[in-house]
Protein backbone atom coordinates (compact mmCIF):
# COMPACT_ATOMS: atom_id res chain seq x y z
CA UNK A 1 85.12 95.80 97.17
CA UNK A 2 86.36 96.00 100.74
CA UNK A 3 89.17 98.36 101.66
CA UNK A 4 91.90 98.22 104.25
CA UNK A 5 92.63 101.29 106.37
CA UNK A 6 95.77 101.61 108.44
CA UNK A 7 94.64 103.02 111.75
CA UNK A 8 96.84 104.85 114.22
CA UNK A 9 98.57 102.70 116.79
CA UNK A 10 96.43 101.84 119.80
CA UNK A 11 97.75 101.58 123.32
CA UNK A 12 99.53 98.31 123.99
CA UNK A 13 96.95 97.65 126.71
CA UNK A 14 94.12 97.91 124.20
CA UNK A 15 92.69 94.63 122.86
CA UNK A 16 92.85 96.17 119.39
CA UNK A 17 96.54 97.04 119.53
CA UNK A 18 98.52 95.22 116.84
CA UNK A 19 95.71 92.68 116.51
CA UNK A 20 96.60 91.66 112.97
CA UNK A 21 100.24 91.38 113.96
CA UNK A 22 99.47 89.14 116.93
CA UNK A 23 97.36 86.81 114.77
CA UNK A 24 99.95 86.60 111.99
CA UNK A 25 102.92 86.04 114.29
CA UNK A 26 101.15 83.61 116.60
CA UNK A 27 100.78 81.11 113.78
CA UNK A 28 103.59 78.63 113.09
CA UNK A 29 106.13 80.00 110.61
CA UNK A 30 106.41 78.00 107.45
CA UNK A 31 109.60 77.63 105.46
CA UNK A 32 109.28 80.19 102.71
CA UNK A 33 111.99 78.62 100.68
CA UNK A 34 114.09 80.66 98.24
CA UNK A 35 112.93 84.01 96.94
CA UNK A 36 110.83 83.67 93.76
CA UNK A 37 112.97 84.21 90.69
CA UNK A 38 112.26 85.50 87.21
CA UNK A 39 114.74 82.92 85.92
CA UNK A 40 112.80 79.99 87.35
CA UNK A 41 109.49 81.11 85.90
CA UNK A 42 107.84 81.23 89.33
CA UNK A 43 106.25 84.62 88.60
CA UNK A 44 102.93 83.63 87.11
CA UNK A 45 100.14 85.84 88.46
CA UNK A 46 99.56 89.51 89.19
CA UNK A 47 97.61 91.32 91.91
CA UNK A 48 96.41 94.92 92.04
CA UNK A 49 96.79 97.21 95.04
CA UNK A 50 94.90 100.50 94.82
CA UNK A 51 96.58 102.97 97.17
CA UNK A 52 94.66 106.03 98.32
CA UNK A 53 95.33 108.91 100.65
CA UNK A 54 93.72 112.33 101.00
CA UNK A 55 95.80 113.86 98.21
CA UNK A 56 96.31 111.18 95.58
CA UNK A 57 95.62 107.64 94.46
CA UNK A 58 97.48 105.13 92.33
CA UNK A 59 97.08 101.51 91.27
CA UNK A 60 100.03 99.13 91.48
CA UNK A 61 100.19 95.89 89.48
CA UNK A 62 102.56 93.55 91.33
CA UNK A 63 103.65 89.95 90.97
CA UNK A 64 101.63 88.02 93.52
CA UNK A 65 104.37 85.53 94.32
CA UNK A 66 106.86 88.16 95.42
CA UNK A 67 104.52 90.40 97.43
CA UNK A 68 103.14 87.38 99.27
CA UNK A 69 106.63 85.99 99.83
CA UNK A 70 107.70 89.06 101.80
CA UNK A 71 104.43 90.09 103.47
CA UNK A 72 102.27 87.79 105.64
CA UNK A 73 99.66 90.56 105.44
CA UNK A 74 99.31 90.20 101.67
CA UNK A 75 99.79 86.44 101.85
CA UNK A 76 96.68 86.18 104.06
CA UNK A 77 94.72 88.62 101.92
CA UNK A 78 95.43 87.24 98.45
CA UNK A 79 95.64 83.53 99.32
CA UNK A 80 92.86 83.40 101.90
CA UNK A 81 89.10 83.38 101.87
CA UNK A 82 88.74 87.15 101.91
CA UNK A 83 87.26 89.21 99.10
CA UNK A 84 90.78 90.23 98.09
CA UNK A 85 91.60 86.56 97.54
CA UNK A 86 88.71 86.20 95.13
CA UNK A 87 89.30 89.42 93.22
CA UNK A 88 93.09 89.55 93.58
CA UNK A 89 92.63 93.26 94.23
CA UNK A 90 92.97 95.34 97.39
CA UNK A 91 92.10 98.93 98.22
CA UNK A 92 94.65 100.31 100.68
CA UNK A 93 93.51 103.54 102.32
CA UNK A 94 95.50 106.15 104.25
CA UNK A 95 98.73 105.05 102.60
CA UNK A 96 100.84 107.33 100.42
CA UNK A 97 101.28 106.20 96.80
CA UNK A 98 104.83 107.58 96.92
CA UNK A 99 105.69 105.50 99.98
CA UNK A 100 103.97 102.41 98.61
CA UNK A 101 106.02 102.89 95.45
CA UNK A 102 109.15 102.83 97.61
CA UNK A 103 107.89 99.54 99.07
CA UNK A 104 107.32 98.05 95.61
CA UNK A 105 110.79 99.15 94.53
CA UNK A 106 112.23 97.39 97.60
CA UNK A 107 110.29 94.21 96.75
CA UNK A 108 112.12 93.91 93.45
CA UNK A 109 115.52 95.43 94.27
CA UNK A 110 115.93 94.93 98.05
CA UNK A 111 117.13 98.53 98.27
CA UNK A 112 115.60 101.76 99.54
CA UNK A 113 115.06 104.30 96.77
CA UNK A 114 115.85 107.84 97.91
CA UNK A 115 116.31 111.32 96.55
CA UNK A 116 118.28 114.23 97.97
CA UNK A 117 115.00 115.87 98.97
CA UNK A 118 115.00 116.52 102.73
CA UNK A 119 111.30 115.55 102.79
CA UNK A 120 112.47 111.98 102.25
CA UNK A 121 112.89 111.92 106.03
CA UNK A 122 109.11 111.86 106.25
CA UNK A 123 108.79 109.29 103.48
CA UNK A 124 111.29 106.98 105.18
CA UNK A 125 109.42 107.13 108.49
CA UNK A 126 106.17 106.39 106.68
CA UNK A 127 107.88 103.47 104.92
CA UNK A 128 108.99 102.04 108.30
CA UNK A 129 105.42 102.36 109.59
CA UNK A 130 104.02 100.75 106.43
CA UNK A 131 106.46 97.85 106.79
CA UNK A 132 105.28 97.42 110.38
CA UNK A 133 101.67 97.15 109.23
CA UNK A 134 102.61 94.74 106.44
CA UNK A 135 104.67 92.59 108.86
CA UNK A 136 107.99 92.93 107.01
CA UNK A 137 110.76 93.34 109.62
CA UNK A 138 113.56 93.18 107.04
CA UNK A 139 112.14 96.26 105.32
CA UNK A 140 111.80 98.01 108.69
CA UNK A 141 115.48 97.44 109.42
CA UNK A 142 116.62 98.45 105.94
CA UNK A 143 114.55 101.61 106.32
CA UNK A 144 115.99 102.43 109.73
CA UNK A 145 119.48 102.24 108.27
CA UNK A 146 118.38 104.64 105.52
CA UNK A 147 116.88 107.02 108.10
CA UNK A 148 120.10 107.03 110.08
CA UNK A 149 122.25 107.60 107.00
CA UNK A 150 120.07 110.57 106.05
CA UNK A 151 120.26 111.96 109.60
CA UNK A 152 124.05 111.81 109.64
CA UNK A 153 124.31 113.28 106.12
CA UNK A 154 122.10 116.23 107.10
CA UNK A 155 123.86 116.61 110.46
CA UNK A 156 120.50 117.19 112.13
CA UNK A 157 118.11 115.53 114.50
CA UNK A 158 114.95 114.44 112.67
CA UNK A 159 112.65 116.60 114.84
CA UNK A 160 109.84 116.73 112.21
CA UNK A 161 109.55 112.93 112.54
CA UNK A 162 108.79 112.92 116.26
CA UNK A 163 105.02 113.45 116.19
CA UNK A 164 104.54 110.98 113.33
CA UNK A 165 106.50 108.28 115.12
CA UNK A 166 104.60 108.68 118.37
CA UNK A 167 101.24 108.84 116.64
CA UNK A 168 101.68 105.60 114.70
CA UNK A 169 103.81 103.38 116.94
CA UNK A 170 103.45 101.65 120.31
CA UNK A 171 105.59 102.38 123.41
CA UNK A 172 107.73 99.29 122.77
CA UNK A 173 108.48 100.24 119.16
CA UNK A 174 112.18 100.05 118.21
CA UNK A 175 111.70 103.22 116.16
CA UNK A 176 110.55 105.07 119.28
CA UNK A 177 113.62 103.86 121.16
CA UNK A 178 115.78 105.19 118.35
CA UNK A 179 114.03 108.57 118.49
CA UNK A 180 114.32 108.74 122.30
CA UNK A 181 118.09 108.34 122.17
CA UNK A 182 118.44 110.94 119.43
CA UNK A 183 116.22 113.45 121.21
CA UNK A 184 117.66 112.81 124.66
CA UNK A 185 121.32 112.99 123.65
CA UNK A 186 122.67 116.52 123.85
CA UNK A 187 119.24 117.66 125.04
CA UNK A 188 118.56 121.34 124.34
CA UNK A 189 115.73 122.72 126.47
CA UNK A 190 115.77 125.92 124.45
CA UNK A 191 114.83 124.07 121.27
CA UNK A 192 111.90 122.40 123.00
CA UNK A 193 110.66 125.72 124.38
CA UNK A 194 110.91 127.31 120.93
CA UNK A 195 108.99 124.51 119.17
CA UNK A 196 107.02 122.62 121.85
CA UNK A 197 104.47 121.45 119.27
CA UNK A 198 107.15 119.25 117.68
CA UNK A 199 107.73 117.25 120.88
CA UNK A 200 104.94 114.86 121.94
CA UNK A 201 104.35 114.80 125.69
CA UNK A 202 105.14 111.08 125.79
CA UNK A 203 108.47 111.77 124.13
CA UNK A 204 109.39 114.39 126.73
CA UNK A 205 108.74 111.84 129.49
CA UNK A 206 110.76 109.21 127.63
CA UNK A 207 113.61 111.67 127.12
CA UNK A 208 113.78 112.46 130.85
CA UNK A 209 113.83 108.76 131.71
CA UNK A 210 116.59 108.19 129.15
CA UNK A 211 118.69 111.08 130.47
CA UNK A 212 118.48 109.60 133.97
CA UNK A 213 120.47 106.61 132.69
CA UNK A 214 123.42 108.90 132.04
CA UNK A 215 123.95 107.28 128.63
CA UNK A 216 124.18 110.49 126.61
CA UNK A 217 126.40 112.00 123.97
CA UNK A 218 126.24 115.47 122.50
CA UNK A 219 125.92 114.02 119.02
CA UNK A 220 124.98 110.43 118.30
CA UNK A 221 126.66 108.57 115.47
CA UNK A 222 125.80 104.91 115.78
CA UNK A 223 128.13 102.24 114.53
CA UNK A 224 126.58 99.51 112.40
CA UNK A 225 126.48 97.22 115.44
CA UNK A 226 125.04 99.91 117.73
CA UNK A 227 122.23 100.60 115.28
CA UNK A 228 121.13 96.96 115.51
CA UNK A 229 119.74 97.61 119.00
CA UNK A 230 116.86 99.36 117.21
CA UNK A 231 116.24 96.54 114.73
CA UNK A 232 113.06 94.49 114.62
CA UNK A 233 113.59 90.76 115.14
CA UNK A 234 113.58 89.11 111.72
CA UNK A 235 113.31 85.57 113.08
CA UNK A 236 114.75 82.94 110.77
CA UNK A 237 115.79 85.21 107.95
CA UNK A 238 115.93 83.52 104.57
């Protein structure tokens, strides 16, 4: 059985950067119609996604109609001529079972499951990155709102997220733009000097460029409308 590995984000100038995304989004969008419903009996078949990372693995049995409805990535895999389409099974490597479980919960409930654990900051960022790979902008935007709510509740900048975001996203990523504004607002050079390993070099450059705009506040609390500047375009949302 073939497996799918989510690689780190390549440079936007690289021919490999976001290749699957370019292919999926370059094709004409079809009308998805209404969301599949348990009441209508449209849930008929199941698919299996085996999720593996370095620490754990877990198999998820999911209704095919709903996972394909929301994700062009899975739509192509399970309804195409690939091995996954024949076996109705996919091995997904370098993805956290916990984060994939959050994705599955969102599929059925359209809400982001969270705990009060501060480590959920990391899980939420990984969920945004997973949604990017699976081509689900609605989930990316729901997740960004959850990230921002957690940031405000903790009254802290999500510094531990910075390296992860820059490692797995491209320069034009809305999540990077969000991070740049948070890091550049009320900039504290002392904090950077104390923990330089937490600030990617690219981020430091982006922060300087942002500060040159003069658009800074000591503490950023985005309104609902302001947060939308960091949303991914959802196109013709159903």
